[in-house]
Amino acid sequence: MQPAGWETESLGSRVSLVNGDIVVAADVGRRLGAAVIDLLIPVTAAAIVSVVALIVHIPQFITYDIGSADSEWLTNLKIILWAMWVTSPGLAAWYGARRIAKRGQSLGERASGIRTVRVENGRLPELSQALIRQLLPVGAATVAVSAILLALPPRSVLTVLQIGGACWFIAHLSTAFSRLGQGWNDTAAETVTIRVHPGRP
C-alpha cells in the first residue's frame, strides 16, 4: 500500500489518496470557516436559552441583594447557564460527526463547499473516525481550560475562555503545516478534507 502524496498547482493542493485517487485538499480558510459555522449553531442556541432564562428571572434580579449569599433560584440559574455553554462545543462536535459519517459533510462544511473523506479510499468515514476528528479540537480546548482553571482565580474566566478558544483555533489551523492538507485531528482519524467543486472560487 503506497502512502498518500501531494503536489501543488494554481488551483490548490492536489492530494493523492492511498488508492491513487487525486483530490483537491480544502484550504485553511474554508476549513476554519466551516468549523466556526458548526460551532455557532449550538452557541447561538445556548445564547438564546440564556437570554430567555435571564428575562424570566428579571423580577428576582430586581429584588436580589448583591451582597447576600446566592439564593436557590440564582444557583440553579448559574448551573443551567454553565451547563449550556460548556456542553455546546461537544454537542456541535457530536452532531457534526454524525453528519460527516452519514453524508460526508457537517453543516459548516456544506456551506464552505468541502467534505471529509477517508484518506485511504475517499469514501465516507466511519462514525468512530468522524468522532475522533470532531472531538479532538474540543477535547484539546477542554483540557487546557480545565488545567488553567486549577491555577487561576475565579475572576480569570475571560482569560480561560480566550486560551481555550486559542487551543481550538490552533487545532484547526494545524492543517496549514501538513503536506497532505490534514489537521492533526485528521491525521488521528485517518481522514482528509477536500473541495467538493474545486473549479469554483
N, C-alpha and C. Protein backbone atom coordinates (compact mmCIF):
# COMPACT_ATOMS: atom_id res chain seq x y z
N MET A 1 0.86 -1.20 0.00
CA MET A 1 0.00 0.00 0.00
C MET A 1 0.89 1.24 0.00
N GLN A 2 0.73 2.11 -0.98
CA GLN A 2 1.55 3.29 -1.10
C GLN A 2 1.02 4.41 -0.20
N PRO A 3 1.92 5.18 0.42
CA PRO A 3 1.47 6.30 1.24
C PRO A 3 0.87 7.39 0.38
N ALA A 4 -0.02 8.18 0.97
CA ALA A 4 -0.62 9.28 0.23
C ALA A 4 0.44 10.33 -0.08
N GLY A 5 0.29 11.01 -1.21
CA GLY A 5 1.25 12.03 -1.59
C GLY A 5 0.54 13.33 -1.92
N TRP A 6 1.31 14.29 -2.43
CA TRP A 6 0.69 15.57 -2.75
C TRP A 6 1.50 16.28 -3.82
N GLU A 7 0.85 17.25 -4.45
CA GLU A 7 1.53 18.15 -5.37
C GLU A 7 0.72 19.44 -5.39
N THR A 8 1.36 20.55 -5.72
CA THR A 8 0.69 21.85 -5.66
C THR A 8 0.53 22.41 -7.07
N GLU A 9 -0.64 22.97 -7.32
CA GLU A 9 -0.87 23.65 -8.59
C GLU A 9 -1.65 24.93 -8.26
N SER A 10 -1.97 25.73 -9.27
CA SER A 10 -2.62 27.01 -9.04
C SER A 10 -3.97 26.87 -8.36
N LEU A 11 -4.62 25.74 -8.59
CA LEU A 11 -5.93 25.52 -8.00
C LEU A 11 -5.86 25.26 -6.51
N GLY A 12 -4.76 24.71 -6.04
CA GLY A 12 -4.62 24.36 -4.63
C GLY A 12 -3.77 23.11 -4.50
N SER A 13 -3.84 22.45 -3.37
CA SER A 13 -3.06 21.25 -3.13
C SER A 13 -3.80 20.03 -3.65
N ARG A 14 -3.19 19.33 -4.60
CA ARG A 14 -3.77 18.11 -5.14
C ARG A 14 -3.23 16.95 -4.32
N VAL A 15 -4.13 16.25 -3.65
CA VAL A 15 -3.74 15.17 -2.75
C VAL A 15 -4.01 13.82 -3.40
N SER A 16 -3.03 12.94 -3.34
CA SER A 16 -3.20 11.58 -3.83
C SER A 16 -3.56 10.68 -2.66
N LEU A 17 -4.76 10.11 -2.70
CA LEU A 17 -5.19 9.20 -1.65
C LEU A 17 -4.41 7.89 -1.75
N VAL A 18 -4.52 7.07 -0.74
CA VAL A 18 -3.79 5.81 -0.71
C VAL A 18 -4.12 4.94 -1.92
N ASN A 19 -5.39 4.98 -2.37
CA ASN A 19 -5.80 4.14 -3.51
C ASN A 19 -5.44 4.77 -4.85
N GLY A 20 -4.81 5.94 -4.83
CA GLY A 20 -4.37 6.57 -6.07
C GLY A 20 -5.28 7.66 -6.59
N ASP A 21 -6.47 7.81 -6.03
CA ASP A 21 -7.38 8.88 -6.46
C ASP A 21 -6.77 10.25 -6.14
N ILE A 22 -6.96 11.19 -7.08
CA ILE A 22 -6.45 12.54 -6.90
C ILE A 22 -7.60 13.46 -6.53
N VAL A 23 -7.45 14.20 -5.43
CA VAL A 23 -8.47 15.14 -4.97
C VAL A 23 -7.79 16.46 -4.62
N VAL A 24 -8.60 17.51 -4.48
CA VAL A 24 -8.06 18.83 -4.11
C VAL A 24 -8.35 19.07 -2.64
N ALA A 25 -7.30 19.24 -1.86
CA ALA A 25 -7.46 19.45 -0.42
C ALA A 25 -8.10 20.80 -0.14
N ALA A 26 -8.92 20.85 0.89
CA ALA A 26 -9.56 22.11 1.30
C ALA A 26 -8.51 23.03 1.92
N ASP A 27 -8.61 24.32 1.63
CA ASP A 27 -7.66 25.27 2.20
C ASP A 27 -8.03 25.60 3.64
N VAL A 28 -7.12 26.24 4.33
CA VAL A 28 -7.30 26.56 5.75
C VAL A 28 -8.51 27.46 5.97
N GLY A 29 -8.69 28.44 5.10
CA GLY A 29 -9.80 29.38 5.25
C GLY A 29 -11.16 28.70 5.22
N ARG A 30 -11.34 27.79 4.27
CA ARG A 30 -12.62 27.07 4.18
C ARG A 30 -12.82 26.15 5.38
N ARG A 31 -11.77 25.48 5.80
CA ARG A 31 -11.88 24.58 6.95
C ARG A 31 -12.24 25.36 8.21
N LEU A 32 -11.55 26.47 8.42
CA LEU A 32 -11.80 27.27 9.61
C LEU A 32 -13.20 27.88 9.57
N GLY A 33 -13.61 28.33 8.38
CA GLY A 33 -14.96 28.87 8.23
C GLY A 33 -16.02 27.83 8.55
N ALA A 34 -15.81 26.60 8.09
CA ALA A 34 -16.76 25.53 8.38
C ALA A 34 -16.82 25.24 9.87
N ALA A 35 -15.65 25.22 10.53
CA ALA A 35 -15.61 24.95 11.97
C ALA A 35 -16.33 26.03 12.76
N VAL A 36 -16.17 27.29 12.33
CA VAL A 36 -16.84 28.40 13.02
C VAL A 36 -18.35 28.28 12.87
N ILE A 37 -18.81 27.96 11.66
CA ILE A 37 -20.25 27.80 11.43
C ILE A 37 -20.81 26.68 12.29
N ASP A 38 -20.10 25.56 12.32
CA ASP A 38 -20.56 24.42 13.12
C ASP A 38 -20.63 24.78 14.60
N LEU A 39 -19.71 25.61 15.07
CA LEU A 39 -19.71 25.99 16.48
C LEU A 39 -20.78 27.03 16.78
N LEU A 40 -21.04 27.91 15.81
CA LEU A 40 -22.00 28.99 16.04
C LEU A 40 -23.43 28.48 16.23
N ILE A 41 -23.75 27.36 15.59
CA ILE A 41 -25.12 26.84 15.68
C ILE A 41 -25.52 26.53 17.12
N PRO A 42 -24.79 25.66 17.85
CA PRO A 42 -25.17 25.39 19.23
C PRO A 42 -24.92 26.57 20.16
N VAL A 43 -23.88 27.37 19.88
CA VAL A 43 -23.60 28.53 20.72
C VAL A 43 -24.74 29.53 20.62
N THR A 44 -25.27 29.72 19.41
CA THR A 44 -26.42 30.62 19.24
C THR A 44 -27.62 30.10 20.01
N ALA A 45 -27.85 28.79 19.93
CA ALA A 45 -28.96 28.20 20.69
C ALA A 45 -28.77 28.41 22.19
N ALA A 46 -27.52 28.23 22.65
CA ALA A 46 -27.23 28.44 24.08
C ALA A 46 -27.45 29.89 24.47
N ALA A 47 -27.07 30.80 23.58
CA ALA A 47 -27.25 32.23 23.86
C ALA A 47 -28.74 32.58 23.97
N ILE A 48 -29.54 32.02 23.07
CA ILE A 48 -30.99 32.29 23.11
C ILE A 48 -31.59 31.78 24.41
N VAL A 49 -31.23 30.54 24.78
CA VAL A 49 -31.74 29.97 26.03
C VAL A 49 -31.30 30.81 27.22
N SER A 50 -30.05 31.28 27.18
CA SER A 50 -29.54 32.10 28.28
C SER A 50 -30.31 33.40 28.42
N VAL A 51 -30.56 34.06 27.28
CA VAL A 51 -31.30 35.33 27.30
C VAL A 51 -32.71 35.12 27.83
N VAL A 52 -33.38 34.06 27.37
CA VAL A 52 -34.74 33.76 27.83
C VAL A 52 -34.73 33.49 29.33
N ALA A 53 -33.74 32.72 29.80
CA ALA A 53 -33.65 32.41 31.22
C ALA A 53 -33.45 33.67 32.06
N LEU A 54 -32.62 34.57 31.55
CA LEU A 54 -32.38 35.82 32.27
C LEU A 54 -33.62 36.71 32.29
N ILE A 55 -34.33 36.76 31.16
CA ILE A 55 -35.54 37.57 31.09
C ILE A 55 -36.60 37.05 32.06
N VAL A 56 -36.74 35.74 32.12
CA VAL A 56 -37.72 35.13 33.02
C VAL A 56 -37.42 35.48 34.48
N HIS A 57 -36.13 35.64 34.80
CA HIS A 57 -35.75 35.90 36.18
C HIS A 57 -35.51 37.37 36.48
N ILE A 58 -35.94 38.26 35.58
CA ILE A 58 -35.77 39.70 35.83
C ILE A 58 -36.38 40.13 37.16
N PRO A 59 -37.62 39.69 37.52
CA PRO A 59 -38.18 40.10 38.82
C PRO A 59 -37.28 39.72 40.00
N GLN A 60 -36.68 38.53 39.94
CA GLN A 60 -35.79 38.13 41.02
C GLN A 60 -34.53 38.98 41.06
N PHE A 61 -34.03 39.37 39.87
CA PHE A 61 -32.84 40.21 39.83
C PHE A 61 -33.12 41.60 40.42
N ILE A 62 -34.32 42.09 40.19
CA ILE A 62 -34.67 43.43 40.69
C ILE A 62 -34.63 43.47 42.22
N THR A 63 -35.07 42.39 42.83
CA THR A 63 -35.13 42.36 44.30
C THR A 63 -33.92 41.68 44.92
N TYR A 64 -32.96 41.25 44.09
CA TYR A 64 -31.81 40.50 44.61
C TYR A 64 -30.80 41.42 45.26
N ASP A 65 -30.35 41.05 46.44
CA ASP A 65 -29.32 41.80 47.17
C ASP A 65 -27.96 41.24 46.79
N ILE A 66 -27.18 42.05 46.07
CA ILE A 66 -25.88 41.59 45.57
C ILE A 66 -24.96 41.15 46.70
N GLY A 67 -25.09 41.78 47.84
CA GLY A 67 -24.20 41.47 48.95
C GLY A 67 -24.58 40.20 49.70
N SER A 68 -25.74 39.65 49.40
CA SER A 68 -26.19 38.47 50.12
C SER A 68 -25.70 37.19 49.44
N ALA A 69 -25.84 36.09 50.13
CA ALA A 69 -25.46 34.80 49.55
C ALA A 69 -26.42 34.44 48.42
N ASP A 70 -25.96 33.63 47.48
CA ASP A 70 -26.81 33.23 46.36
C ASP A 70 -28.03 32.47 46.86
N SER A 71 -29.18 32.83 46.33
CA SER A 71 -30.40 32.11 46.67
C SER A 71 -30.49 30.86 45.78
N GLU A 72 -31.47 30.02 46.06
CA GLU A 72 -31.58 28.76 45.31
C GLU A 72 -31.85 29.00 43.84
N TRP A 73 -32.70 29.99 43.52
CA TRP A 73 -33.02 30.24 42.11
C TRP A 73 -31.80 30.72 41.34
N LEU A 74 -30.96 31.54 41.99
CA LEU A 74 -29.77 32.06 41.30
C LEU A 74 -28.74 30.94 41.11
N THR A 75 -28.61 30.09 42.11
CA THR A 75 -27.68 28.96 41.99
C THR A 75 -28.10 28.03 40.86
N ASN A 76 -29.41 27.75 40.79
CA ASN A 76 -29.92 26.88 39.72
C ASN A 76 -29.71 27.53 38.36
N LEU A 77 -29.92 28.84 38.28
CA LEU A 77 -29.74 29.55 37.02
C LEU A 77 -28.29 29.48 36.56
N LYS A 78 -27.38 29.66 37.49
CA LYS A 78 -25.95 29.58 37.15
C LYS A 78 -25.59 28.20 36.63
N ILE A 79 -26.13 27.17 37.26
CA ILE A 79 -25.84 25.80 36.84
C ILE A 79 -26.36 25.56 35.42
N ILE A 80 -27.58 26.04 35.15
CA ILE A 80 -28.17 25.85 33.82
C ILE A 80 -27.34 26.55 32.76
N LEU A 81 -26.99 27.82 33.01
CA LEU A 81 -26.23 28.59 32.03
C LEU A 81 -24.84 27.98 31.84
N TRP A 82 -24.20 27.56 32.91
CA TRP A 82 -22.87 26.96 32.81
C TRP A 82 -22.94 25.67 31.99
N ALA A 83 -23.94 24.85 32.25
CA ALA A 83 -24.08 23.59 31.53
C ALA A 83 -24.32 23.83 30.04
N MET A 84 -25.13 24.84 29.72
CA MET A 84 -25.43 25.14 28.32
C MET A 84 -24.16 25.52 27.56
N TRP A 85 -23.36 26.41 28.16
CA TRP A 85 -22.18 26.91 27.46
C TRP A 85 -21.06 25.90 27.41
N VAL A 86 -20.94 25.07 28.44
CA VAL A 86 -19.87 24.06 28.46
C VAL A 86 -20.15 22.93 27.48
N THR A 87 -21.43 22.54 27.37
CA THR A 87 -21.76 21.40 26.50
C THR A 87 -21.94 21.78 25.03
N SER A 88 -22.08 23.05 24.73
CA SER A 88 -22.32 23.48 23.34
C SER A 88 -21.26 22.99 22.36
N PRO A 89 -19.95 23.19 22.64
CA PRO A 89 -18.94 22.70 21.70
C PRO A 89 -19.00 21.18 21.50
N GLY A 90 -19.23 20.45 22.60
CA GLY A 90 -19.32 19.00 22.49
C GLY A 90 -20.50 18.55 21.65
N LEU A 91 -21.63 19.23 21.83
CA LEU A 91 -22.82 18.91 21.04
C LEU A 91 -22.58 19.21 19.56
N ALA A 92 -21.89 20.32 19.30
CA ALA A 92 -21.56 20.67 17.91
C ALA A 92 -20.68 19.59 17.28
N ALA A 93 -19.70 19.12 18.04
CA ALA A 93 -18.80 18.08 17.53
C ALA A 93 -19.56 16.77 17.28
N TRP A 94 -20.45 16.40 18.19
CA TRP A 94 -21.22 15.16 18.04
C TRP A 94 -22.13 15.23 16.82
N TYR A 95 -22.85 16.34 16.67
CA TYR A 95 -23.76 16.47 15.54
C TYR A 95 -22.99 16.51 14.22
N GLY A 96 -21.85 17.23 14.23
CA GLY A 96 -21.03 17.28 13.03
C GLY A 96 -20.49 15.91 12.64
N ALA A 97 -20.09 15.12 13.64
CA ALA A 97 -19.58 13.78 13.37
C ALA A 97 -20.66 12.88 12.77
N ARG A 98 -21.87 13.00 13.28
CA ARG A 98 -22.98 12.19 12.75
C ARG A 98 -23.23 12.53 11.28
N ARG A 99 -23.22 13.81 10.95
CA ARG A 99 -23.46 14.23 9.56
C ARG A 99 -22.31 13.80 8.65
N ILE A 100 -21.08 13.91 9.15
CA ILE A 100 -19.93 13.53 8.33
C ILE A 100 -19.95 12.04 8.04
N ALA A 101 -20.30 11.23 9.04
CA ALA A 101 -20.35 9.78 8.83
C ALA A 101 -21.47 9.39 7.88
N LYS A 102 -22.55 10.18 7.86
CA LYS A 102 -23.70 9.84 7.03
C LYS A 102 -23.66 10.49 5.65
N ARG A 103 -23.18 11.74 5.59
CA ARG A 103 -23.22 12.49 4.34
C ARG A 103 -21.86 13.02 3.89
N GLY A 104 -20.85 12.91 4.75
CA GLY A 104 -19.53 13.41 4.39
C GLY A 104 -19.32 14.88 4.69
N GLN A 105 -20.36 15.54 5.18
CA GLN A 105 -20.27 16.98 5.43
C GLN A 105 -21.04 17.37 6.69
N SER A 106 -20.43 18.23 7.50
CA SER A 106 -21.19 18.90 8.54
C SER A 106 -21.91 20.08 7.87
N LEU A 107 -22.77 20.75 8.60
CA LEU A 107 -23.47 21.91 8.01
C LEU A 107 -22.47 22.98 7.60
N GLY A 108 -21.45 23.19 8.43
CA GLY A 108 -20.44 24.19 8.09
C GLY A 108 -19.64 23.80 6.86
N GLU A 109 -19.32 22.52 6.73
CA GLU A 109 -18.57 22.06 5.56
C GLU A 109 -19.41 22.17 4.30
N ARG A 110 -20.69 21.89 4.43
CA ARG A 110 -21.56 22.03 3.25
C ARG A 110 -21.61 23.48 2.79
N ALA A 111 -21.71 24.40 3.76
CA ALA A 111 -21.75 25.83 3.40
C ALA A 111 -20.42 26.29 2.81
N SER A 112 -19.33 25.65 3.20
CA SER A 112 -18.00 26.05 2.73
C SER A 112 -17.55 25.30 1.48
N GLY A 113 -18.37 24.36 1.01
CA GLY A 113 -18.03 23.63 -0.21
C GLY A 113 -16.92 22.62 -0.03
N ILE A 114 -16.85 21.99 1.15
CA ILE A 114 -15.83 20.98 1.40
C ILE A 114 -16.49 19.74 2.00
N ARG A 115 -15.75 18.64 2.03
CA ARG A 115 -16.26 17.43 2.65
C ARG A 115 -15.10 16.62 3.21
N THR A 116 -15.42 15.72 4.13
CA THR A 116 -14.40 14.90 4.78
C THR A 116 -14.52 13.46 4.29
N VAL A 117 -13.39 12.88 3.90
CA VAL A 117 -13.37 11.52 3.39
C VAL A 117 -12.21 10.75 4.03
N ARG A 118 -12.24 9.44 3.86
CA ARG A 118 -11.12 8.62 4.34
C ARG A 118 -9.91 8.86 3.45
N VAL A 119 -8.76 8.99 4.06
CA VAL A 119 -7.54 9.19 3.28
C VAL A 119 -7.17 7.92 2.52
N GLU A 120 -7.73 6.80 2.93
CA GLU A 120 -7.41 5.53 2.29
C GLU A 120 -8.06 5.38 0.93
N ASN A 121 -9.35 5.73 0.82
CA ASN A 121 -10.07 5.45 -0.43
C ASN A 121 -11.08 6.53 -0.83
N GLY A 122 -11.18 7.63 -0.09
CA GLY A 122 -12.09 8.70 -0.45
C GLY A 122 -13.54 8.44 -0.11
N ARG A 123 -13.82 7.37 0.60
CA ARG A 123 -15.20 7.07 0.99
C ARG A 123 -15.57 7.78 2.29
N LEU A 124 -16.86 7.70 2.66
CA LEU A 124 -17.31 8.34 3.89
C LEU A 124 -16.61 7.72 5.10
N PRO A 125 -16.23 8.54 6.07
CA PRO A 125 -15.59 7.99 7.27
C PRO A 125 -16.59 7.19 8.11
N GLU A 126 -16.06 6.27 8.90
CA GLU A 126 -16.88 5.60 9.90
C GLU A 126 -17.23 6.62 10.98
N LEU A 127 -18.29 6.34 11.75
CA LEU A 127 -18.68 7.25 12.83
C LEU A 127 -17.54 7.42 13.82
N SER A 128 -16.82 6.36 14.11
CA SER A 128 -15.71 6.46 15.06
C SER A 128 -14.62 7.41 14.55
N GLN A 129 -14.34 7.36 13.24
CA GLN A 129 -13.36 8.27 12.65
C GLN A 129 -13.85 9.71 12.73
N ALA A 130 -15.12 9.91 12.39
CA ALA A 130 -15.69 11.26 12.42
C ALA A 130 -15.69 11.83 13.84
N LEU A 131 -15.98 10.98 14.82
CA LEU A 131 -15.98 11.43 16.21
C LEU A 131 -14.59 11.86 16.65
N ILE A 132 -13.58 11.06 16.29
CA ILE A 132 -12.20 11.42 16.64
C ILE A 132 -11.84 12.76 16.02
N ARG A 133 -12.20 12.92 14.75
CA ARG A 133 -11.86 14.16 14.04
C ARG A 133 -12.54 15.38 14.64
N GLN A 134 -13.80 15.24 15.01
CA GLN A 134 -14.56 16.38 15.52
C GLN A 134 -14.29 16.68 17.00
N LEU A 135 -14.06 15.64 17.78
CA LEU A 135 -13.95 15.82 19.23
C LEU A 135 -12.55 16.23 19.68
N LEU A 136 -11.51 15.90 18.92
CA LEU A 136 -10.16 16.21 19.36
C LEU A 136 -9.91 17.72 19.57
N PRO A 137 -10.32 18.61 18.64
CA PRO A 137 -10.12 20.03 18.91
C PRO A 137 -10.86 20.50 20.15
N VAL A 138 -12.10 20.01 20.33
CA VAL A 138 -12.87 20.38 21.52
C VAL A 138 -12.20 19.83 22.77
N GLY A 139 -11.69 18.59 22.67
CA GLY A 139 -11.02 17.99 23.82
C GLY A 139 -9.76 18.75 24.20
N ALA A 140 -9.00 19.20 23.20
CA ALA A 140 -7.78 19.96 23.48
C ALA A 140 -8.09 21.25 24.23
N ALA A 141 -9.13 21.94 23.76
CA ALA A 141 -9.54 23.18 24.42
C ALA A 141 -10.04 22.91 25.83
N THR A 142 -10.81 21.82 26.00
CA THR A 142 -11.36 21.49 27.33
C THR A 142 -10.25 21.16 28.32
N VAL A 143 -9.27 20.37 27.89
CA VAL A 143 -8.16 20.01 28.77
C VAL A 143 -7.38 21.26 29.18
N ALA A 144 -7.13 22.14 28.21
CA ALA A 144 -6.39 23.36 28.50
C ALA A 144 -7.15 24.23 29.51
N VAL A 145 -8.47 24.38 29.27
CA VAL A 145 -9.28 25.20 30.18
C VAL A 145 -9.32 24.59 31.57
N SER A 146 -9.49 23.28 31.65
CA SER A 146 -9.57 22.61 32.95
C SER A 146 -8.26 22.78 33.73
N ALA A 147 -7.14 22.64 33.04
CA ALA A 147 -5.84 22.78 33.70
C ALA A 147 -5.63 24.21 34.20
N ILE A 148 -6.03 25.18 33.38
CA ILE A 148 -5.83 26.58 33.76
C ILE A 148 -6.75 26.96 34.90
N LEU A 149 -7.97 26.43 34.92
CA LEU A 149 -8.90 26.75 35.99
C LEU A 149 -8.35 26.35 37.36
N LEU A 150 -7.52 25.32 37.39
CA LEU A 150 -6.95 24.86 38.65
C LEU A 150 -5.89 25.82 39.17
N ALA A 151 -5.34 26.64 38.26
CA ALA A 151 -4.25 27.53 38.65
C ALA A 151 -4.64 28.99 38.78
N LEU A 152 -5.76 29.36 38.15
CA LEU A 152 -6.16 30.77 38.15
C LEU A 152 -7.35 31.02 39.07
N PRO A 153 -7.46 32.22 39.61
CA PRO A 153 -8.61 32.56 40.46
C PRO A 153 -9.88 32.64 39.63
N PRO A 154 -11.07 32.54 40.27
CA PRO A 154 -12.35 32.54 39.55
C PRO A 154 -12.55 33.75 38.65
N ARG A 155 -11.94 34.89 39.00
CA ARG A 155 -12.16 36.10 38.21
C ARG A 155 -11.45 36.06 36.86
N SER A 156 -10.66 35.04 36.63
CA SER A 156 -9.91 34.93 35.37
C SER A 156 -10.65 34.12 34.32
N VAL A 157 -11.98 34.09 34.41
CA VAL A 157 -12.79 33.29 33.49
C VAL A 157 -12.56 33.73 32.05
N LEU A 158 -12.49 35.04 31.81
CA LEU A 158 -12.30 35.55 30.45
C LEU A 158 -10.98 35.06 29.87
N THR A 159 -9.92 35.10 30.67
CA THR A 159 -8.62 34.61 30.22
C THR A 159 -8.69 33.13 29.87
N VAL A 160 -9.38 32.37 30.69
CA VAL A 160 -9.52 30.93 30.46
C VAL A 160 -10.23 30.66 29.15
N LEU A 161 -11.32 31.38 28.90
CA LEU A 161 -12.08 31.21 27.67
C LEU A 161 -11.23 31.59 26.45
N GLN A 162 -10.43 32.62 26.59
CA GLN A 162 -9.57 33.04 25.49
C GLN A 162 -8.52 31.97 25.17
N ILE A 163 -7.94 31.38 26.19
CA ILE A 163 -6.93 30.34 25.97
C ILE A 163 -7.57 29.09 25.38
N GLY A 164 -8.76 28.73 25.89
CA GLY A 164 -9.47 27.58 25.34
C GLY A 164 -9.79 27.79 23.87
N GLY A 165 -10.25 29.00 23.53
CA GLY A 165 -10.53 29.32 22.13
C GLY A 165 -9.28 29.27 21.27
N ALA A 166 -8.16 29.69 21.84
CA ALA A 166 -6.90 29.65 21.10
C ALA A 166 -6.50 28.21 20.79
N CYS A 167 -6.69 27.30 21.77
CA CYS A 167 -6.37 25.89 21.54
C CYS A 167 -7.25 25.31 20.44
N TRP A 168 -8.53 25.66 20.45
CA TRP A 168 -9.46 25.19 19.42
C TRP A 168 -9.04 25.72 18.06
N PHE A 169 -8.64 27.00 17.99
CA PHE A 169 -8.23 27.62 16.74
C PHE A 169 -6.96 26.98 16.20
N ILE A 170 -5.98 26.75 17.08
CA ILE A 170 -4.71 26.16 16.66
C ILE A 170 -4.92 24.75 16.12
N ALA A 171 -5.83 24.01 16.74
CA ALA A 171 -6.11 22.65 16.27
C ALA A 171 -6.59 22.66 14.83
N HIS A 172 -7.46 23.62 14.49
CA HIS A 172 -7.97 23.70 13.13
C HIS A 172 -6.95 24.33 12.18
N LEU A 173 -6.07 25.18 12.72
CA LEU A 173 -5.07 25.84 11.88
C LEU A 173 -3.91 24.91 11.53
N SER A 174 -3.80 23.79 12.25
CA SER A 174 -2.67 22.88 12.05
C SER A 174 -2.61 22.31 10.63
N THR A 175 -3.73 22.39 9.91
CA THR A 175 -3.73 21.88 8.53
C THR A 175 -2.77 22.65 7.63
N ALA A 176 -2.47 23.91 8.02
CA ALA A 176 -1.57 24.72 7.20
C ALA A 176 -0.14 24.17 7.20
N PHE A 177 0.18 23.34 8.17
CA PHE A 177 1.54 22.81 8.30
C PHE A 177 1.64 21.36 7.86
N SER A 178 0.59 20.86 7.23
CA SER A 178 0.59 19.47 6.77
C SER A 178 0.76 19.40 5.27
N ARG A 179 1.62 18.54 4.80
CA ARG A 179 1.84 18.38 3.36
C ARG A 179 0.63 17.74 2.69
N LEU A 180 -0.21 17.07 3.48
CA LEU A 180 -1.39 16.41 2.91
C LEU A 180 -2.67 17.21 3.14
N GLY A 181 -2.53 18.42 3.68
CA GLY A 181 -3.71 19.22 3.94
C GLY A 181 -4.54 18.67 5.08
N GLN A 182 -3.89 17.97 6.01
CA GLN A 182 -4.60 17.38 7.15
C GLN A 182 -4.29 18.15 8.42
N GLY A 183 -5.34 18.37 9.24
CA GLY A 183 -5.10 18.84 10.59
C GLY A 183 -4.65 17.65 11.42
N TRP A 184 -4.12 17.91 12.62
CA TRP A 184 -3.67 16.76 13.42
C TRP A 184 -4.84 15.89 13.84
N ASN A 185 -6.06 16.47 13.88
CA ASN A 185 -7.23 15.64 14.16
C ASN A 185 -7.56 14.75 12.96
N ASP A 186 -7.31 15.24 11.74
CA ASP A 186 -7.47 14.41 10.54
C ASP A 186 -6.47 13.25 10.55
N THR A 187 -5.25 13.57 10.92
CA THR A 187 -4.22 12.53 10.95
C THR A 187 -4.59 11.41 11.91
N ALA A 188 -5.10 11.79 13.09
CA ALA A 188 -5.50 10.79 14.08
C ALA A 188 -6.68 9.95 13.58
N ALA A 189 -7.58 10.59 12.83
CA ALA A 189 -8.78 9.89 12.35
C ALA A 189 -8.58 9.24 10.99
N GLU A 190 -7.42 9.46 10.36
CA GLU A 190 -7.12 8.95 9.02
C GLU A 190 -8.15 9.46 8.00
N THR A 191 -8.38 10.77 8.05
CA THR A 191 -9.29 11.41 7.11
C THR A 191 -8.58 12.59 6.45
N VAL A 192 -9.20 13.12 5.42
CA VAL A 192 -8.70 14.33 4.77
C VAL A 192 -9.92 15.13 4.32
N THR A 193 -9.82 16.45 4.37
CA THR A 193 -10.92 17.32 3.96
C THR A 193 -10.62 17.86 2.57
N ILE A 194 -11.56 17.71 1.66
CA ILE A 194 -11.33 18.04 0.25
C ILE A 194 -12.38 19.03 -0.24
N ARG A 195 -12.07 19.67 -1.37
CA ARG A 195 -13.02 20.56 -2.04
C ARG A 195 -14.05 19.72 -2.78
N VAL A 196 -15.31 20.13 -2.70
CA VAL A 196 -16.38 19.41 -3.41
C VAL A 196 -16.38 19.82 -4.87
N HIS A 197 -16.25 21.12 -5.13
CA HIS A 197 -16.21 21.63 -6.51
C HIS A 197 -14.95 22.46 -6.64
N PRO A 198 -13.79 21.83 -6.85
CA PRO A 198 -12.51 22.56 -6.85
C PRO A 198 -12.35 23.60 -7.94
N GLY A 199 -13.16 23.54 -8.98
CA GLY A 199 -13.05 24.52 -10.05
C GLY A 199 -13.75 25.83 -9.75
N ARG A 200 -14.54 25.86 -8.66
CA ARG A 200 -15.27 27.08 -8.32
C ARG A 200 -14.49 27.90 -7.33
N PRO A 201 -14.67 29.24 -7.31
CA PRO A 201 -13.92 30.10 -6.38
C PRO A 201 -14.39 29.88 -4.96
